[in-house]
Amino acid sequence: MLSLQTGISLFQTCPRSKDSFPGRIVHCHDLRDASHFFRQNVLVIGGGRAAEDVALQLRKFGASSVSISARSRPLGLRWPDAVREVAPVEAVRGSR
């Protein structure tokens, strides 16, 4: 699953390569129940407080792991187990 925290609710942005990503893509505005991602590995794209909040909620409700990728500087927080910051994502690839 890929969770996006990019753009505001009215002007959400999404990677150009999103159509080739085999998993589910959700903007934080549309994320209503983090328990849907129980035992899944999740990539959160975004560098603000929404990314932080979504990452912690996903882990709290049972995501196996949460990776956070930001284009700018890392958030630099002390994350709980199974939450980590990763290098900026340039593209998402896969097959459906």
PDB file of N, CA and C in Angstrom:
ATOM      1  N   MET A   1       0.842  -1.167   0.000  1.00  0.00           N
ATOM      2  CA  MET A   1       0.000   0.000   0.000  1.00  0.00           C
ATOM      3  C   MET A   1       0.887   1.229   0.000  1.00  0.00           C
ATOM      4  N   LEU A   2       0.449   2.230  -0.706  1.00  0.00           N
ATOM      5  CA  LEU A   2       1.165   3.488  -0.801  1.00  0.00           C
ATOM      6  C   LEU A   2       0.233   4.579  -0.308  1.00  0.00           C
ATOM      7  N   SER A   3       0.658   5.312   0.704  1.00  0.00           N
ATOM      8  CA  SER A   3      -0.155   6.391   1.254  1.00  0.00           C
ATOM      9  C   SER A   3       0.504   7.720   0.921  1.00  0.00           C
ATOM     10  N   LEU A   4      -0.254   8.612   0.304  1.00  0.00           N
ATOM     11  CA  LEU A   4       0.290   9.889  -0.129  1.00  0.00           C
ATOM     12  C   LEU A   4      -0.136  11.023   0.787  1.00  0.00           C
ATOM     13  N   GLN A   5       0.807  11.840   1.161  1.00  0.00           N
ATOM     14  CA  GLN A   5       0.534  13.038   1.942  1.00  0.00           C
ATOM     15  C   GLN A   5       1.019  14.231   1.146  1.00  0.00           C
ATOM     16  N   THR A   6       0.728  14.244  -0.124  1.00  0.00           N
ATOM     17  CA  THR A   6       1.229  15.284  -1.013  1.00  0.00           C
ATOM     18  C   THR A   6       0.073  16.121  -1.523  1.00  0.00           C
ATOM     19  N   GLY A   7       0.204  17.419  -1.422  1.00  0.00           N
ATOM     20  CA  GLY A   7      -0.864  18.304  -1.862  1.00  0.00           C
ATOM     21  C   GLY A   7      -1.951  18.376  -0.802  1.00  0.00           C
ATOM     22  N   ILE A   8      -2.810  19.358  -0.915  1.00  0.00           N
ATOM     23  CA  ILE A   8      -3.916  19.480   0.018  1.00  0.00           C
ATOM     24  C   ILE A   8      -5.135  18.766  -0.541  1.00  0.00           C
ATOM     25  N   SER A   9      -6.163  18.629   0.253  1.00  0.00           N
ATOM     26  CA  SER A   9      -7.329  17.847  -0.123  1.00  0.00           C
ATOM     27  C   SER A   9      -7.891  18.206  -1.490  1.00  0.00           C
ATOM     28  N   LEU A  10      -7.977  19.495  -1.790  1.00  0.00           N
ATOM     29  CA  LEU A  10      -8.558  19.906  -3.069  1.00  0.00           C
ATOM     30  C   LEU A  10      -7.604  19.732  -4.239  1.00  0.00           C
ATOM     31  N   PHE A  11      -6.299  19.718  -3.961  1.00  0.00           N
ATOM     32  CA  PHE A  11      -5.304  19.636  -5.028  1.00  0.00           C
ATOM     33  C   PHE A  11      -4.309  18.514  -4.735  1.00  0.00           C
ATOM     34  N   GLN A  12      -4.817  17.304  -4.616  1.00  0.00           N
ATOM     35  CA  GLN A  12      -3.965  16.162  -4.315  1.00  0.00           C
ATOM     36  C   GLN A  12      -3.023  15.907  -5.484  1.00  0.00           C
ATOM     37  N   THR A  13      -1.793  15.539  -5.156  1.00  0.00           N
ATOM     38  CA  THR A  13      -0.841  15.181  -6.200  1.00  0.00           C
ATOM     39  C   THR A  13      -0.479  13.721  -6.059  1.00  0.00           C
ATOM     40  N   CYS A  14      -0.100  13.119  -7.158  1.00  0.00           N
ATOM     41  CA  CYS A  14       0.194  11.692  -7.170  1.00  0.00           C
ATOM     42  C   CYS A  14       1.335  11.450  -8.157  1.00  0.00           C
ATOM     43  N   PRO A  15       2.209  10.482  -7.876  1.00  0.00           N
ATOM     44  CA  PRO A  15       3.307  10.202  -8.812  1.00  0.00           C
ATOM     45  C   PRO A  15       2.773   9.882 -10.210  1.00  0.00           C
ATOM     46  N   ARG A  16       3.519  10.343 -11.235  1.00  0.00           N
ATOM     47  CA  ARG A  16       3.099  10.064 -12.610  1.00  0.00           C
ATOM     48  C   ARG A  16       3.056   8.570 -12.901  1.00  0.00           C
ATOM     49  N   SER A  17       3.870   7.811 -12.225  1.00  0.00           N
ATOM     50  CA  SER A  17       3.961   6.370 -12.496  1.00  0.00           C
ATOM     51  C   SER A  17       2.946   5.561 -11.694  1.00  0.00           C
ATOM     52  N   LYS A  18       1.968   6.212 -11.077  1.00  0.00           N
ATOM     53  CA  LYS A  18       1.036   5.514 -10.187  1.00  0.00           C
ATOM     54  C   LYS A  18       0.257   4.397 -10.882  1.00  0.00           C
ATOM     55  N   ASP A  19       0.004   4.528 -12.175  1.00  0.00           N
ATOM     56  CA  ASP A  19      -0.794   3.516 -12.873  1.00  0.00           C
ATOM     57  C   ASP A  19      -0.083   2.170 -12.976  1.00  0.00           C
ATOM     58  N   SER A  20       1.234   2.161 -12.848  1.00  0.00           N
ATOM     59  CA  SER A  20       1.961   0.892 -12.923  1.00  0.00           C
ATOM     60  C   SER A  20       2.186   0.268 -11.546  1.00  0.00           C
ATOM     61  N   PHE A  21       1.782   0.953 -10.480  1.00  0.00           N
ATOM     62  CA  PHE A  21       1.965   0.422  -9.125  1.00  0.00           C
ATOM     63  C   PHE A  21       0.910  -0.647  -8.864  1.00  0.00           C
ATOM     64  N   PRO A  22       1.327  -1.847  -8.446  1.00  0.00           N
ATOM     65  CA  PRO A  22       0.377  -2.947  -8.289  1.00  0.00           C
ATOM     66  C   PRO A  22      -0.467  -2.887  -7.021  1.00  0.00           C
ATOM     67  N   GLY A  23      -0.088  -2.058  -6.077  1.00  0.00           N
ATOM     68  CA  GLY A  23      -0.802  -2.010  -4.806  1.00  0.00           C
ATOM     69  C   GLY A  23      -1.850  -0.925  -4.752  1.00  0.00           C
ATOM     70  N   ARG A  24      -2.356  -0.720  -3.585  1.00  0.00           N
ATOM     71  CA  ARG A  24      -3.379   0.295  -3.344  1.00  0.00           C
ATOM     72  C   ARG A  24      -2.715   1.644  -3.066  1.00  0.00           C
ATOM     73  N   ILE A  25      -3.265   2.717  -3.616  1.00  0.00           N
ATOM     74  CA  ILE A  25      -2.765   4.066  -3.385  1.00  0.00           C
ATOM     75  C   ILE A  25      -3.870   4.868  -2.719  1.00  0.00           C
ATOM     76  N   VAL A  26      -3.551   5.492  -1.587  1.00  0.00           N
ATOM     77  CA  VAL A  26      -4.526   6.258  -0.821  1.00  0.00           C
ATOM     78  C   VAL A  26      -3.921   7.602  -0.447  1.00  0.00           C
ATOM     79  N   HIS A  27      -4.643   8.687  -0.665  1.00  0.00           N
ATOM     80  CA  HIS A  27      -4.218   9.999  -0.180  1.00  0.00           C
ATOM     81  C   HIS A  27      -4.667  10.105   1.273  1.00  0.00           C
ATOM     82  N   CYS A  28      -3.918  10.797   2.099  1.00  0.00           N
ATOM     83  CA  CYS A  28      -4.246  10.878   3.526  1.00  0.00           C
ATOM     84  C   CYS A  28      -5.655  11.417   3.752  1.00  0.00           C
ATOM     85  N   HIS A  29      -6.136  12.254   2.869  1.00  0.00           N
ATOM     86  CA  HIS A  29      -7.490  12.794   2.992  1.00  0.00           C
ATOM     87  C   HIS A  29      -8.544  11.687   2.933  1.00  0.00           C
ATOM     88  N   ASP A  30      -8.225  10.605   2.220  1.00  0.00           N
ATOM     89  CA  ASP A  30      -9.175   9.511   2.025  1.00  0.00           C
ATOM     90  C   ASP A  30      -8.955   8.329   2.969  1.00  0.00           C
ATOM     91  N   LEU A  31      -7.929   8.402   3.803  1.00  0.00           N
ATOM     92  CA  LEU A  31      -7.634   7.311   4.734  1.00  0.00           C
ATOM     93  C   LEU A  31      -8.549   7.424   5.950  1.00  0.00           C
ATOM     94  N   ARG A  32      -9.479   6.505   6.076  1.00  0.00           N
ATOM     95  CA  ARG A  32     -10.467   6.561   7.156  1.00  0.00           C
ATOM     96  C   ARG A  32     -10.220   5.545   8.262  1.00  0.00           C
ATOM     97  N   ASP A  33      -9.633   4.405   7.900  1.00  0.00           N
ATOM     98  CA  ASP A  33      -9.473   3.330   8.875  1.00  0.00           C
ATOM     99  C   ASP A  33      -8.135   2.635   8.650  1.00  0.00           C
ATOM    100  N   ALA A  34      -7.172   2.930   9.501  1.00  0.00           N
ATOM    101  CA  ALA A  34      -5.830   2.371   9.347  1.00  0.00           C
ATOM    102  C   ALA A  34      -5.792   0.869   9.579  1.00  0.00           C
ATOM    103  N   SER A  35      -6.795   0.309  10.225  1.00  0.00           N
ATOM    104  CA  SER A  35      -6.797  -1.137  10.482  1.00  0.00           C
ATOM    105  C   SER A  35      -6.948  -1.956   9.201  1.00  0.00           C
ATOM    106  N   HIS A  36      -7.353  -1.326   8.096  1.00  0.00           N
ATOM    107  CA  HIS A  36      -7.441  -2.029   6.812  1.00  0.00           C
ATOM    108  C   HIS A  36      -6.065  -2.479   6.326  1.00  0.00           C
ATOM    109  N   PHE A  37      -5.016  -1.943   6.919  1.00  0.00           N
ATOM    110  CA  PHE A  37      -3.662  -2.246   6.477  1.00  0.00           C
ATOM    111  C   PHE A  37      -2.923  -3.139   7.465  1.00  0.00           C
ATOM    112  N   PHE A  38      -3.680  -3.865   8.258  1.00  0.00           N
ATOM    113  CA  PHE A  38      -3.142  -4.824   9.216  1.00  0.00           C
ATOM    114  C   PHE A  38      -2.247  -5.825   8.490  1.00  0.00           C
ATOM    115  N   ARG A  39      -1.041  -6.022   9.018  1.00  0.00           N
ATOM    116  CA  ARG A  39      -0.046  -6.965   8.488  1.00  0.00           C
ATOM    117  C   ARG A  39       0.420  -6.631   7.075  1.00  0.00           C
ATOM    118  N   GLN A  40       0.339  -5.389   6.691  1.00  0.00           N
ATOM    119  CA  GLN A  40       0.842  -4.977   5.377  1.00  0.00           C
ATOM    120  C   GLN A  40       2.063  -4.085   5.553  1.00  0.00           C
ATOM    121  N   ASN A  41       2.896  -4.048   4.523  1.00  0.00           N
ATOM    122  CA  ASN A  41       4.028  -3.134   4.471  1.00  0.00           C
ATOM    123  C   ASN A  41       3.566  -1.899   3.714  1.00  0.00           C
ATOM    124  N   VAL A  42       3.741  -0.741   4.319  1.00  0.00           N
ATOM    125  CA  VAL A  42       3.191   0.490   3.760  1.00  0.00           C
ATOM    126  C   VAL A  42       4.301   1.500   3.520  1.00  0.00           C
ATOM    127  N   LEU A  43       4.221   2.187   2.383  1.00  0.00           N
ATOM    128  CA  LEU A  43       5.119   3.293   2.079  1.00  0.00           C
ATOM    129  C   LEU A  43       4.306   4.572   2.159  1.00  0.00           C
ATOM    130  N   VAL A  44       4.739   5.497   3.009  1.00  0.00           N
ATOM    131  CA  VAL A  44       4.097   6.803   3.149  1.00  0.00           C
ATOM    132  C   VAL A  44       4.984   7.818   2.444  1.00  0.00           C
ATOM    133  N   ILE A  45       4.427   8.554   1.494  1.00  0.00           N
ATOM    134  CA  ILE A  45       5.180   9.580   0.781  1.00  0.00           C
ATOM    135  C   ILE A  45       4.706  10.937   1.267  1.00  0.00           C
ATOM    136  N   GLY A  46       5.631  11.701   1.814  1.00  0.00           N
ATOM    137  CA  GLY A  46       5.310  13.035   2.319  1.00  0.00           C
ATOM    138  C   GLY A  46       6.240  13.375   3.464  1.00  0.00           C
ATOM    139  N   GLY A  47       6.454  14.660   3.677  1.00  0.00           N
ATOM    140  CA  GLY A  47       7.407  15.063   4.705  1.00  0.00           C
ATOM    141  C   GLY A  47       6.840  15.947   5.786  1.00  0.00           C
ATOM    142  N   GLY A  48       5.544  16.049   5.849  1.00  0.00           N
ATOM    143  CA  GLY A  48       4.944  16.932   6.843  1.00  0.00           C
ATOM    144  C   GLY A  48       4.298  16.182   7.983  1.00  0.00           C
ATOM    145  N   ARG A  49       3.523  16.914   8.747  1.00  0.00           N
ATOM    146  CA  ARG A  49       2.859  16.332   9.914  1.00  0.00           C
ATOM    147  C   ARG A  49       1.804  15.301   9.530  1.00  0.00           C
ATOM    148  N   ALA A  50       1.182  15.458   8.373  1.00  0.00           N
ATOM    149  CA  ALA A  50       0.210  14.448   7.934  1.00  0.00           C
ATOM    150  C   ALA A  50       0.902  13.105   7.728  1.00  0.00           C
ATOM    151  N   ALA A  51       2.102  13.115   7.155  1.00  0.00           N
ATOM    152  CA  ALA A  51       2.860  11.881   6.958  1.00  0.00           C
ATOM    153  C   ALA A  51       3.192  11.235   8.296  1.00  0.00           C
ATOM    154  N   GLU A  52       3.612  12.045   9.240  1.00  0.00           N
ATOM    155  CA  GLU A  52       3.927  11.544  10.578  1.00  0.00           C
ATOM    156  C   GLU A  52       2.690  10.914  11.214  1.00  0.00           C
ATOM    157  N   ASP A  53       1.582  11.608  11.165  1.00  0.00           N
ATOM    158  CA  ASP A  53       0.349  11.119  11.769  1.00  0.00           C
ATOM    159  C   ASP A  53      -0.127   9.825  11.122  1.00  0.00           C
ATOM    160  N   VAL A  54      -0.123   9.779   9.796  1.00  0.00           N
ATOM    161  CA  VAL A  54      -0.565   8.576   9.088  1.00  0.00           C
ATOM    162  C   VAL A  54       0.357   7.401   9.395  1.00  0.00           C
ATOM    163  N   ALA A  55       1.657   7.633   9.390  1.00  0.00           N
ATOM    164  CA  ALA A  55       2.609   6.559   9.674  1.00  0.00           C
ATOM    165  C   ALA A  55       2.377   5.956  11.057  1.00  0.00           C
ATOM    166  N   LEU A  56       2.184   6.813  12.043  1.00  0.00           N
ATOM    167  CA  LEU A  56       1.969   6.310  13.405  1.00  0.00           C
ATOM    168  C   LEU A  56       0.627   5.598  13.544  1.00  0.00           C
ATOM    169  N   GLN A  57      -0.397   6.103  12.883  1.00  0.00           N
ATOM    170  CA  GLN A  57      -1.707   5.434  12.926  1.00  0.00           C
ATOM    171  C   GLN A  57      -1.651   4.066  12.254  1.00  0.00           C
ATOM    172  N   LEU A  58      -0.974   3.990  11.108  1.00  0.00           N
ATOM    173  CA  LEU A  58      -0.857   2.701  10.411  1.00  0.00           C
ATOM    174  C   LEU A  58      -0.159   1.668  11.286  1.00  0.00           C
ATOM    175  N   ARG A  59       0.928   2.072  11.922  1.00  0.00           N
ATOM    176  CA  ARG A  59       1.651   1.136  12.792  1.00  0.00           C
ATOM    177  C   ARG A  59       0.831   0.772  14.019  1.00  0.00           C
ATOM    178  N   LYS A  60       0.171   1.744  14.610  1.00  0.00           N
ATOM    179  CA  LYS A  60      -0.660   1.501  15.796  1.00  0.00           C
ATOM    180  C   LYS A  60      -1.751   0.478  15.509  1.00  0.00           C
ATOM    181  N   PHE A  61      -2.305   0.540  14.300  1.00  0.00           N
ATOM    182  CA  PHE A  61      -3.393  -0.372  13.951  1.00  0.00           C
ATOM    183  C   PHE A  61      -2.918  -1.610  13.204  1.00  0.00           C
ATOM    184  N   GLY A  62      -1.631  -1.927  13.293  1.00  0.00           N
ATOM    185  CA  GLY A  62      -1.153  -3.237  12.891  1.00  0.00           C
ATOM    186  C   GLY A  62      -0.432  -3.394  11.578  1.00  0.00           C
ATOM    187  N   ALA A  63      -0.052  -2.308  10.905  1.00  0.00           N
ATOM    188  CA  ALA A  63       0.765  -2.469   9.708  1.00  0.00           C
ATOM    189  C   ALA A  63       2.073  -3.154  10.116  1.00  0.00           C
ATOM    190  N   SER A  64       2.532  -4.100   9.312  1.00  0.00           N
ATOM    191  CA  SER A  64       3.778  -4.806   9.640  1.00  0.00           C
ATOM    192  C   SER A  64       4.964  -3.864   9.673  1.00  0.00           C
ATOM    193  N   SER A  65       5.032  -2.983   8.677  1.00  0.00           N
ATOM    194  CA  SER A  65       6.097  -1.985   8.642  1.00  0.00           C
ATOM    195  C   SER A  65       5.588  -0.748   7.911  1.00  0.00           C
ATOM    196  N   VAL A  66       6.182   0.385   8.264  1.00  0.00           N
ATOM    197  CA  VAL A  66       5.844   1.649   7.614  1.00  0.00           C
ATOM    198  C   VAL A  66       7.150   2.346   7.261  1.00  0.00           C
ATOM    199  N   SER A  67       7.329   2.658   5.986  1.00  0.00           N
ATOM    200  CA  SER A  67       8.485   3.415   5.511  1.00  0.00           C
ATOM    201  C   SER A  67       7.994   4.786   5.076  1.00  0.00           C
ATOM    202  N   ILE A  68       8.714   5.827   5.464  1.00  0.00           N
ATOM    203  CA  ILE A  68       8.335   7.202   5.134  1.00  0.00           C
ATOM    204  C   ILE A  68       9.385   7.786   4.205  1.00  0.00           C
ATOM    205  N   SER A  69       8.926   8.282   3.061  1.00  0.00           N
ATOM    206  CA  SER A  69       9.822   8.878   2.077  1.00  0.00           C
ATOM    207  C   SER A  69       9.425  10.330   1.855  1.00  0.00           C
ATOM    208  N   ALA A  70      10.389  11.231   2.024  1.00  0.00           N
ATOM    209  CA  ALA A  70      10.130  12.656   1.830  1.00  0.00           C
ATOM    210  C   ALA A  70      11.120  13.221   0.820  1.00  0.00           C
ATOM    211  N   ARG A  71      10.647  14.122  -0.007  1.00  0.00           N
ATOM    212  CA  ARG A  71      11.492  14.759  -1.016  1.00  0.00           C
ATOM    213  C   ARG A  71      12.502  15.697  -0.359  1.00  0.00           C
ATOM    214  N   SER A  72      12.087  16.341   0.703  1.00  0.00           N
ATOM    215  CA  SER A  72      12.953  17.298   1.394  1.00  0.00           C
ATOM    216  C   SER A  72      13.708  16.608   2.522  1.00  0.00           C
ATOM    217  N   ARG A  73      14.089  17.353   3.493  1.00  0.00           N
ATOM    218  CA  ARG A  73      14.866  16.792   4.604  1.00  0.00           C
ATOM    219  C   ARG A  73      14.031  15.776   5.404  1.00  0.00           C
ATOM    220  N   PRO A  74      14.694  14.806   6.029  1.00  0.00           N
ATOM    221  CA  PRO A  74      13.980  13.831   6.858  1.00  0.00           C
ATOM    222  C   PRO A  74      13.290  14.517   8.038  1.00  0.00           C
ATOM    223  N   LEU A  75      12.239  13.900   8.531  1.00  0.00           N
ATOM    224  CA  LEU A  75      11.548  14.433   9.701  1.00  0.00           C
ATOM    225  C   LEU A  75      12.442  14.373  10.929  1.00  0.00           C
ATOM    226  N   GLY A  76      13.310  13.339  10.992  1.00  0.00           N
ATOM    227  CA  GLY A  76      14.289  13.245  12.069  1.00  0.00           C
ATOM    228  C   GLY A  76      13.717  12.906  13.429  1.00  0.00           C
ATOM    229  N   LEU A  77      12.611  12.212  13.448  1.00  0.00           N
ATOM    230  CA  LEU A  77      11.978  11.858  14.716  1.00  0.00           C
ATOM    231  C   LEU A  77      12.449  10.486  15.195  1.00  0.00           C
ATOM    232  N   ARG A  78      12.247  10.211  16.456  1.00  0.00           N
ATOM    233  CA  ARG A  78      12.521   8.874  16.993  1.00  0.00           C
ATOM    234  C   ARG A  78      11.263   8.045  16.760  1.00  0.00           C
ATOM    235  N   TRP A  79      11.354   7.130  15.811  1.00  0.00           N
ATOM    236  CA  TRP A  79      10.192   6.344  15.409  1.00  0.00           C
ATOM    237  C   TRP A  79      10.082   5.065  16.224  1.00  0.00           C
ATOM    238  N   PRO A  80       8.873   4.570  16.406  1.00  0.00           N
ATOM    239  CA  PRO A  80       8.710   3.264  17.057  1.00  0.00           C
ATOM    240  C   PRO A  80       9.241   2.156  16.151  1.00  0.00           C
ATOM    241  N   ASP A  81       9.362   0.962  16.715  1.00  0.00           N
ATOM    242  CA  ASP A  81       9.800  -0.196  15.929  1.00  0.00           C
ATOM    243  C   ASP A  81       8.942  -0.329  14.681  1.00  0.00           C
ATOM    244  N   ALA A  82       9.574  -0.746  13.598  1.00  0.00           N
ATOM    245  CA  ALA A  82       8.928  -1.023  12.314  1.00  0.00           C
ATOM    246  C   ALA A  82       8.468   0.236  11.580  1.00  0.00           C
ATOM    247  N   VAL A  83       8.915   1.417  12.026  1.00  0.00           N
ATOM    248  CA  VAL A  83       8.681   2.661  11.287  1.00  0.00           C
ATOM    249  C   VAL A  83      10.051   3.255  11.000  1.00  0.00           C
ATOM    250  N   ARG A  84      10.299   3.612   9.736  1.00  0.00           N
ATOM    251  CA  ARG A  84      11.613   4.148   9.383  1.00  0.00           C
ATOM    252  C   ARG A  84      11.491   5.153   8.246  1.00  0.00           C
ATOM    253  N   GLU A  85      12.469   6.014   8.156  1.00  0.00           N
ATOM    254  CA  GLU A  85      12.542   6.958   7.045  1.00  0.00           C
ATOM    255  C   GLU A  85      13.466   6.375   5.984  1.00  0.00           C
ATOM    256  N   VAL A  86      13.083   6.543   4.713  1.00  0.00           N
ATOM    257  CA  VAL A  86      13.859   6.012   3.594  1.00  0.00           C
ATOM    258  C   VAL A  86      14.163   7.142   2.610  1.00  0.00           C
ATOM    259  N   ALA A  87      15.030   6.855   1.664  1.00  0.00           N
ATOM    260  CA  ALA A  87      15.408   7.840   0.642  1.00  0.00           C
ATOM    261  C   ALA A  87      14.185   8.263  -0.178  1.00  0.00           C
ATOM    262  N   PRO A  88      14.234   9.442  -0.782  1.00  0.00           N
ATOM    263  CA  PRO A  88      13.117   9.893  -1.611  1.00  0.00           C
ATOM    264  C   PRO A  88      12.794   8.906  -2.735  1.00  0.00           C
ATOM    265  N   VAL A  89      11.524   8.680  -2.950  1.00  0.00           N
ATOM    266  CA  VAL A  89      11.048   7.778  -3.994  1.00  0.00           C
ATOM    267  C   VAL A  89      10.931   8.583  -5.281  1.00  0.00           C
ATOM    268  N   GLU A  90      11.519   8.079  -6.355  1.00  0.00           N
ATOM    269  CA  GLU A  90      11.451   8.771  -7.635  1.00  0.00           C
ATOM    270  C   GLU A  90      10.347   8.219  -8.524  1.00  0.00           C
ATOM    271  N   ALA A  91      10.009   6.946  -8.344  1.00  0.00           N
ATOM    272  CA  ALA A  91       8.973   6.331  -9.178  1.00  0.00           C
ATOM    273  C   ALA A  91       8.459   5.093  -8.466  1.00  0.00           C
ATOM    274  N   VAL A  92       7.253   4.701  -8.794  1.00  0.00           N
ATOM    275  CA  VAL A  92       6.711   3.436  -8.304  1.00  0.00           C
ATOM    276  C   VAL A  92       6.519   2.538  -9.515  1.00  0.00           C
ATOM    277  N   ARG A  93       6.939   1.285  -9.373  1.00  0.00           N
ATOM    278  CA  ARG A  93       6.880   0.365 -10.513  1.00  0.00           C
ATOM    279  C   ARG A  93       6.299  -0.964 -10.065  1.00  0.00           C
ATOM    280  N   GLY A  94       5.814  -1.693 -11.011  1.00  0.00           N
ATOM    281  CA  GLY A  94       5.283  -3.015 -10.737  1.00  0.00           C
ATOM    282  C   GLY A  94       4.390  -3.427 -11.877  1.00  0.00           C
ATOM    283  N   SER A  95       3.670  -4.487 -11.667  1.00  0.00           N
ATOM    284  CA  SER A  95       2.705  -4.915 -12.685  1.00  0.00           C
ATOM    285  C   SER A  95       1.411  -5.276 -11.983  1.00  0.00           C
ATOM    286  N   ARG A  96       0.330  -4.993 -12.625  1.00  0.00           N
ATOM    287  CA  ARG A  96      -0.981  -5.269 -12.045  1.00  0.00           C
ATOM    288  C   ARG A  96      -1.423  -6.665 -12.382  1.00  0.00           C
TER     289      ARG A  96
END
